[in-house]
Each structure stands twice: as C-alpha cells, then as structure tokens.
C-alpha cells in the first residue's frame, strides 16, 4: 500500500514513525521469528523478488569483520530513523548474529560488506548492501490529482544547497522565467538572492516539471516526484538507494538533462509542446514506483536481503 500524502506539508509523520519503531523495539524477537516461515512462503518468492534481493545484496561468501556487532548489541544512536528502520527486520533473526552497518549518506564503497542506505551506482559496489533506510524522509509517494496538461509550463526545485553542484545550479537558475528554483538553507549562506521560502508538495505539484538533483548522495525528492503527474528532469544519477536509481532509464523514466543542466530550458519547451511523450515517460515512472508500494513484498525483500547477508557471511 502506498504512503499517500494528502498534501501534508509535514510529509511523513515522524511521531507516527517513532511510535511504530518503539512498538517494534518493545516486541520480543521471538514473536517476529515465529512469523518468518509463513512470511517467506513460496507464494511470494517469485523471480522479481529474488531479482531485487540480488540487486541490493551482491555479496559472495565473506568473513564477517571482527568489529561487527551482534544484533542484540545493536543500539540506537543519533541516526534514530535508521536504527528503527533496520531494527524492524533484524528482529526476525537470531540476536547473536553479527552485522556491519554504516548509517547516513554513504557515497563511497566500504572495504567490507556493510549495510548502507546508499551507494555509488558505478564500480564494484558489492560491498554496499542496500537496505530501505531513512524511509520517513525518502519514501514518500503522492496522490497527484492534477493532470500534466493542466500544470504550469515551468520547472520547480527547492532544497538545501551545501554541495557545490547544488550551489552552482541555484545560482544559475534562480532568476530564470522558465523555472522557480531556490535554496532553503537553514545554516551557512542564506542572505543571498537565491534563498527562497520552502514550498509545499501541493504547490510543487502545480508545475509540469520537477527537477531532481543529487546532494550528498541521491536526490531525496525523486521518489515522490516520480509518483506525481509531473515530469522529472534529472541528470544521470551517480548514486542509488532501495529505489534502484541505477535501473532508471533516461528519457524513459525521466527526462535526461546534461550534467550542467544547460539544456533545461530546451527540455521544458520540448515537453511542454510534446505532451504525449511527456505523459508516456510519467507512466513509466509510475510503473517503477509501483514496485515499492506493496508493504508485504517490501518486508519480504528486506528480510531476504539480510538473510543473504547472514548466509554469505557463514552465519546461517
């Protein structure tokens, strides 16, 4: 089932997220482990699920690092949302099993197999074992009632600019007529012309085009933007998460921009006139999003990714 936002400016509710996390924390592991066999019944183990499991976890056999923690030693730290997201699935396993993990925006490949939220798309990234982490911020899908053809012929973007690529982007486009671009920094340089007020998802959905631009790792707005009836404009991504950004095809799931975004006005003009082409890309984007909306399937894949981690580290 989708996480549908009825244009709530607060997006996913953190209090609700934490309440569920605390319930999971307080529930004995034996309760989850008793449900495991039924959850992993053959009714669900189809080719598409196993394909995703092997995409997220590319590990071959390895020795778990000496510094790895047992599940029962797994403690909450400053990254509380990561902790609760991972704990939800660790509860299904023997609490003496050991894991290596790295929370936060991981834009490099660890030396040893490690559970992460994000990884580089290119290169030998098998040591980066992706789990669905920081879901309260990243996994938001919208129920967009506005048709593409009824939206404004402009592009929109709001976000924090602490990386050089984002700073250059907003400085270049903040005052252009064909878009509404601005930074929403809460620290650092803010007394600048390109600092603009935050914009709700409801108002961003009034634009035909939503720009997705990577920050520390992936573009955090990409999931909800691809679930909307707006067209995503994006340079080819360099990082990926559970959303499998590495499998997105340019001009099929999103409209491809040059790395310096210099062709953005041209793409806006083109897809404002060629509405059917834009709507076909949006339909393909929706099909990709649909893979992540079945909660039972998401749970099964998450459990199987961890199961493979424990098997390939010779712990099961």
Protein backbone atom coordinates (compact mmCIF):
# COMPACT_ATOMS: atom_id res chain seq x y z
CA UNK A 1 0.00 0.00 0.00
CA UNK A 2 1.23 3.50 -0.84
CA UNK A 3 2.39 6.07 1.69
CA UNK A 4 -0.11 8.62 0.33
CA UNK A 5 0.28 12.25 1.30
CA UNK A 6 -2.83 14.36 1.15
CA UNK A 7 -0.64 17.40 0.53
CA UNK A 8 0.52 17.43 4.13
CA UNK A 9 3.35 19.98 4.47
CA UNK A 10 4.91 17.78 7.15
CA UNK A 11 5.20 14.89 4.69
CA UNK A 12 5.50 11.59 6.58
CA UNK A 13 4.71 11.95 10.26
CA UNK A 14 7.80 11.41 12.41
CA UNK A 15 5.78 10.94 15.63
CA UNK A 16 3.85 8.10 13.99
CA UNK A 17 7.10 6.65 12.65
CA UNK A 18 8.73 6.73 16.09
CA UNK A 19 5.65 5.29 17.77
CA UNK A 20 5.76 2.28 15.43
CA UNK A 21 9.50 1.99 15.97
CA UNK A 22 9.10 1.88 19.75
CA UNK A 23 6.43 -0.80 19.43
CA UNK A 24 8.82 -2.89 17.31
CA UNK A 25 11.58 -2.29 19.85
CA UNK A 26 9.41 -3.49 22.73
CA UNK A 27 8.06 -6.55 20.91
CA UNK A 28 10.15 -9.68 21.65
CA UNK A 29 12.22 -11.03 18.77
CA UNK A 30 10.64 -14.46 19.22
CA UNK A 31 7.31 -13.01 18.07
CA UNK A 32 8.82 -11.97 14.74
CA UNK A 33 10.85 -15.14 14.31
CA UNK A 34 7.70 -17.23 14.75
CA UNK A 35 6.18 -15.42 11.75
CA UNK A 36 9.20 -15.81 9.50
CA UNK A 37 8.39 -19.14 7.86
CA UNK A 38 4.89 -18.04 6.91
CA UNK A 39 6.12 -14.71 5.59
CA UNK A 40 8.70 -16.39 3.38
CA UNK A 41 6.26 -18.89 1.91
CA UNK A 42 6.62 -19.87 -1.73
CA UNK A 43 3.62 -17.73 -2.60
CA UNK A 44 5.87 -14.70 -2.55
CA UNK A 45 9.23 -15.99 -3.69
CA UNK A 46 8.90 -15.11 -7.36
CA UNK A 47 11.55 -14.09 -9.86
CA UNK A 48 11.04 -10.34 -9.45
CA UNK A 49 11.52 -10.53 -5.68
CA UNK A 50 14.70 -12.59 -5.94
CA UNK A 51 15.99 -10.26 -8.63
CA UNK A 52 15.63 -7.29 -6.27
CA UNK A 53 17.23 -9.21 -3.38
CA UNK A 54 20.29 -9.95 -5.52
CA UNK A 55 20.38 -6.36 -6.76
CA UNK A 56 20.54 -4.94 -3.25
CA UNK A 57 22.85 -7.64 -1.91
CA UNK A 58 25.58 -8.69 -4.34
CA UNK A 59 27.71 -10.38 -1.68
CA UNK A 60 29.59 -13.58 -2.26
CA UNK A 61 30.99 -15.51 0.71
CA UNK A 62 32.96 -13.42 3.18
CA UNK A 63 34.09 -13.41 6.79
CA UNK A 64 32.16 -11.01 8.96
CA UNK A 65 34.57 -8.34 10.30
CA UNK A 66 35.80 -8.68 13.89
CA UNK A 67 34.35 -5.27 14.74
CA UNK A 68 30.85 -6.28 13.61
CA UNK A 69 28.18 -6.09 16.32
CA UNK A 70 25.68 -8.73 17.29
CA UNK A 71 22.05 -7.81 16.74
CA UNK A 72 21.47 -7.72 20.50
CA UNK A 73 24.32 -5.18 20.75
CA UNK A 74 22.69 -3.02 18.09
CA UNK A 75 21.93 0.24 19.90
CA UNK A 76 20.13 3.44 18.99
CA UNK A 77 22.37 6.42 18.24
CA UNK A 78 21.88 9.84 16.70
CA UNK A 79 20.55 8.26 13.49
CA UNK A 80 17.33 7.15 15.16
CA UNK A 81 15.30 6.80 11.96
CA UNK A 82 17.96 4.49 10.50
CA UNK A 83 18.02 2.47 13.71
CA UNK A 84 14.26 1.84 13.74
CA UNK A 85 14.16 1.04 10.01
CA UNK A 86 16.86 -1.61 10.34
CA UNK A 87 15.71 -2.96 13.71
CA UNK A 88 12.31 -3.72 12.17
CA UNK A 89 13.92 -6.52 10.14
CA UNK A 90 16.76 -7.56 12.42
CA UNK A 91 14.05 -8.73 14.85
CA UNK A 92 13.35 -11.70 12.54
CA UNK A 93 16.79 -13.24 13.17
CA UNK A 94 18.83 -14.86 15.93
CA UNK A 95 20.02 -11.96 18.05
CA UNK A 96 23.55 -13.40 18.24
CA UNK A 97 24.14 -12.89 14.51
CA UNK A 98 26.61 -10.12 13.68
CA UNK A 99 26.29 -7.20 11.27
CA UNK A 100 28.35 -4.35 9.89
CA UNK A 101 26.43 -1.21 9.05
CA UNK A 102 27.03 2.43 8.19
CA UNK A 103 24.25 4.97 8.64
CA UNK A 104 23.88 8.31 6.87
CA UNK A 105 24.56 9.41 3.30
CA UNK A 106 27.12 6.85 2.18
CA UNK A 107 28.58 7.89 -1.17
CA UNK A 108 31.55 5.53 -1.19
CA UNK A 109 32.00 1.75 -1.25
CA UNK A 110 33.08 0.23 2.11
CA UNK A 111 36.11 -2.05 2.33
CA UNK A 112 33.96 -4.92 3.65
CA UNK A 113 30.32 -5.92 3.12
CA UNK A 114 28.31 -3.32 5.01
CA UNK A 115 24.62 -2.48 5.30
CA UNK A 116 24.02 1.04 3.95
CA UNK A 117 21.23 3.29 2.72
CA UNK A 118 23.05 4.44 -0.43
CA UNK A 119 25.93 3.50 -2.68
CA UNK A 120 27.65 4.61 -5.91
CA UNK A 121 25.98 3.14 -8.99
CA UNK A 122 29.19 2.59 -10.88
CA UNK A 123 32.16 0.44 -10.00
CA UNK A 124 32.33 -2.76 -7.98
CA UNK A 125 29.74 -1.91 -5.34
CA UNK A 126 29.11 -5.42 -3.99
CA UNK A 127 30.32 -4.43 -0.50
CA UNK A 128 27.44 -1.95 -0.27
CA UNK A 129 24.42 -3.95 0.89
CA UNK A 130 21.38 -1.71 0.47
CA UNK A 131 18.55 -1.69 2.96
CA UNK A 132 15.47 0.52 2.99
CA UNK A 133 16.65 3.15 5.49
CA UNK A 134 15.52 6.68 6.43
CA UNK A 135 12.12 5.84 4.98
CA UNK A 136 10.35 8.64 6.83
CA UNK A 137 12.23 11.17 4.69
CA UNK A 138 12.90 9.32 1.47
CA UNK A 139 9.92 7.05 0.84
CA UNK A 140 7.08 9.45 0.22
CA UNK A 141 4.63 8.95 -2.62
CA UNK A 142 1.93 11.43 -3.58
CA UNK A 143 -1.63 11.11 -4.81
CA UNK A 144 -1.49 13.73 -7.55
CA UNK A 145 -4.94 14.70 -8.84
CA UNK A 146 -3.71 17.39 -11.24
CA UNK A 147 -3.25 16.35 -14.88
CA UNK A 148 0.08 17.05 -16.58
CA UNK A 149 -1.53 19.24 -19.23
CA UNK A 150 -3.18 21.40 -16.56
CA UNK A 151 0.10 22.28 -14.84
CA UNK A 152 2.33 25.33 -15.32
CA UNK A 153 4.94 25.12 -18.09
CA UNK A 154 7.77 25.65 -15.62
CA UNK A 155 10.25 23.61 -13.61
CA UNK A 156 10.44 23.74 -9.83
CA UNK A 157 13.06 22.85 -7.23
CA UNK A 158 13.54 23.59 -3.56
CA UNK A 159 16.24 22.19 -1.33
CA UNK A 160 19.29 22.76 0.79
CA UNK A 161 22.49 23.73 -1.02
CA UNK A 162 25.60 22.64 0.83
CA UNK A 163 27.22 20.83 -2.10
CA UNK A 164 28.98 22.69 -4.96
CA UNK A 165 26.78 21.16 -7.68
CA UNK A 166 23.59 22.38 -5.99
CA UNK A 167 25.01 25.84 -5.25
CA UNK A 168 26.01 26.29 -8.88
CA UNK A 169 22.61 25.05 -10.01
CA UNK A 170 20.56 27.53 -7.97
CA UNK A 171 22.88 30.45 -8.74
CA UNK A 172 22.40 29.74 -12.44
CA UNK A 173 18.63 29.30 -12.49
CA UNK A 174 17.05 31.12 -9.51
CA UNK A 175 16.05 34.16 -11.60
CA UNK A 176 15.04 32.49 -14.86
CA UNK A 177 11.46 32.89 -16.12
CA UNK A 178 11.07 29.25 -17.16
CA UNK A 179 11.57 27.87 -13.65
CA UNK A 180 11.11 28.51 -9.93
CA UNK A 181 14.38 27.45 -8.34
CA UNK A 182 15.66 28.30 -4.88
CA UNK A 183 17.66 27.08 -1.92
CA UNK A 184 16.10 26.66 1.53
CA UNK A 185 19.25 26.61 3.64
CA UNK A 186 18.86 26.66 7.41
CA UNK A 187 22.55 27.30 8.07
CA UNK A 188 25.52 28.78 6.27
CA UNK A 189 24.98 31.26 3.45
CA UNK A 190 21.35 32.43 3.49
CA UNK A 191 21.42 36.18 2.81
CA UNK A 192 21.56 35.64 -0.95
CA UNK A 193 19.15 36.26 -3.81
CA UNK A 194 18.63 32.56 -4.44
CA UNK A 195 17.46 31.83 -0.88
CA UNK A 196 13.70 31.32 -1.16
CA UNK A 197 10.89 30.15 1.15
CA UNK A 198 10.12 26.46 1.39
CA UNK A 199 7.38 25.25 -0.93
CA UNK A 200 4.84 22.58 -0.01
CA UNK A 201 4.49 19.46 -2.11
CA UNK A 202 0.99 20.62 -3.03
CA UNK A 203 2.38 23.77 -4.62
CA UNK A 204 5.30 22.00 -6.29
CA UNK A 205 2.82 19.66 -7.96
CA UNK A 206 1.36 22.63 -9.83
CA UNK A 207 4.43 22.63 -12.10
CA UNK A 208 4.83 20.40 -15.16
CA UNK A 209 8.49 19.75 -14.33
CA UNK A 210 10.21 18.78 -11.10
CA UNK A 211 13.99 18.85 -11.05
CA UNK A 212 15.77 16.10 -9.11
CA UNK A 213 19.36 16.94 -8.22
CA UNK A 214 21.70 14.82 -6.13
CA UNK A 215 23.12 16.18 -2.87
CA UNK A 216 25.31 14.13 -0.54
CA UNK A 217 24.02 11.07 -2.34
CA UNK A 218 20.65 10.66 -4.08
CA UNK A 219 18.00 13.29 -4.83
CA UNK A 220 15.62 12.95 -1.87
CA UNK A 221 12.64 14.30 -3.84
CA UNK A 222 12.94 11.73 -6.63
CA UNK A 223 10.52 9.16 -5.17
CA UNK A 224 7.56 11.49 -4.71
CA UNK A 225 8.36 13.36 -7.93
CA UNK A 226 8.22 10.13 -9.95
CA UNK A 227 4.89 9.24 -8.32
CA UNK A 228 3.39 12.57 -9.39
CA UNK A 229 1.86 13.61 -12.71
CA UNK A 230 4.78 15.94 -13.32
CA UNK A 231 7.81 15.08 -15.44
CA UNK A 232 11.12 14.57 -13.63
CA UNK A 233 14.08 16.43 -15.13
CA UNK A 234 17.36 14.90 -13.99
CA UNK A 235 20.98 14.37 -14.94
CA UNK A 236 22.05 10.73 -14.97
CA UNK A 237 22.28 9.67 -11.30
CA UNK A 238 25.59 8.63 -9.73
CA UNK A 239 24.16 7.11 -6.53
CA UNK A 240 21.32 4.77 -5.67
CA UNK A 241 19.20 3.53 -2.77
CA UNK A 242 16.43 0.97 -2.28
CA UNK A 243 14.61 2.85 -5.07
CA UNK A 244 17.09 1.33 -7.58
CA UNK A 245 18.04 4.61 -9.22
CA UNK A 246 20.65 2.66 -11.15
CA UNK A 247 17.88 0.96 -13.13
CA UNK A 248 16.17 4.17 -14.21
CA UNK A 249 16.44 4.72 -17.95
CA UNK A 250 16.96 8.25 -19.31
CA UNK A 251 14.10 9.56 -21.45
CA UNK A 252 12.07 6.54 -20.36
CA UNK A 253 11.61 7.04 -16.62
CA UNK A 254 12.75 10.68 -16.56
CA UNK A 255 13.82 13.39 -18.99
CA UNK A 256 17.59 13.43 -19.19
CA UNK A 257 19.45 16.69 -18.58
CA UNK A 258 23.12 17.43 -19.18
CA UNK A 259 25.29 17.30 -16.07
CA UNK A 260 25.48 21.12 -16.02
CA UNK A 261 21.69 21.48 -16.64
CA UNK A 262 22.40 23.83 -19.55
CA UNK A 263 19.68 22.22 -21.68
CA UNK A 264 16.91 22.60 -19.09
CA UNK A 265 15.05 25.41 -20.89
CA UNK A 266 15.20 23.43 -24.13
CA UNK A 267 13.73 20.32 -22.44
CA UNK A 268 10.97 22.37 -20.80
CA UNK A 269 9.96 23.83 -24.15
CA UNK A 270 10.07 20.44 -25.85
CA UNK A 271 7.97 18.54 -23.32
CA UNK A 272 5.53 21.43 -22.92
CA UNK A 273 4.72 21.01 -26.61
CA UNK A 274 5.08 17.23 -26.87
CA UNK A 275 2.63 16.35 -24.14
CA UNK A 276 2.08 12.74 -25.16
CA UNK A 277 5.80 11.97 -24.97
CA UNK A 278 5.95 13.51 -21.52
CA UNK A 279 2.94 11.53 -20.33
CA UNK A 280 4.49 8.28 -21.60
CA UNK A 281 7.61 8.93 -19.51
CA UNK A 282 5.43 9.74 -16.50
CA UNK A 283 3.55 6.45 -16.98
CA UNK A 284 6.85 4.55 -17.00
CA UNK A 285 7.88 6.39 -13.84
CA UNK A 286 4.64 5.34 -12.16
CA UNK A 287 5.30 1.72 -13.12
CA UNK A 288 8.70 1.90 -11.44
CA UNK A 289 7.19 3.45 -8.30
CA UNK A 290 4.56 0.72 -8.17
CA UNK A 291 7.22 -1.86 -7.31
CA UNK A 292 7.67 -0.25 -3.88
CA UNK A 293 4.06 0.11 -2.80
CA UNK A 294 3.25 -3.41 -1.57
CA UNK A 295 4.21 -3.46 2.10
CA UNK A 296 4.28 -7.25 2.39
CA UNK A 297 6.59 -7.59 -0.60
CA UNK A 298 8.82 -4.83 0.76
CA UNK A 299 9.04 -6.66 4.09
CA UNK A 300 9.90 -9.96 2.41
CA UNK A 301 12.63 -8.44 0.26
CA UNK A 302 14.14 -6.64 3.27
CA UNK A 303 14.23 -9.87 5.27
CA UNK A 304 15.75 -11.81 2.36
CA UNK A 305 18.47 -9.19 1.86
CA UNK A 306 19.50 -9.66 5.50
CA UNK A 307 19.14 -13.44 5.26
CA UNK A 308 21.54 -13.46 2.31
CA UNK A 309 23.96 -11.28 4.29
CA UNK A 310 23.97 -13.76 7.16
CA UNK A 311 24.26 -16.75 4.80
CA UNK A 312 27.14 -15.34 2.76
CA UNK A 313 28.98 -14.42 5.97
CA UNK A 314 28.70 -18.10 7.02
CA UNK A 315 26.48 -17.32 10.00
CA UNK A 316 23.41 -19.30 8.89
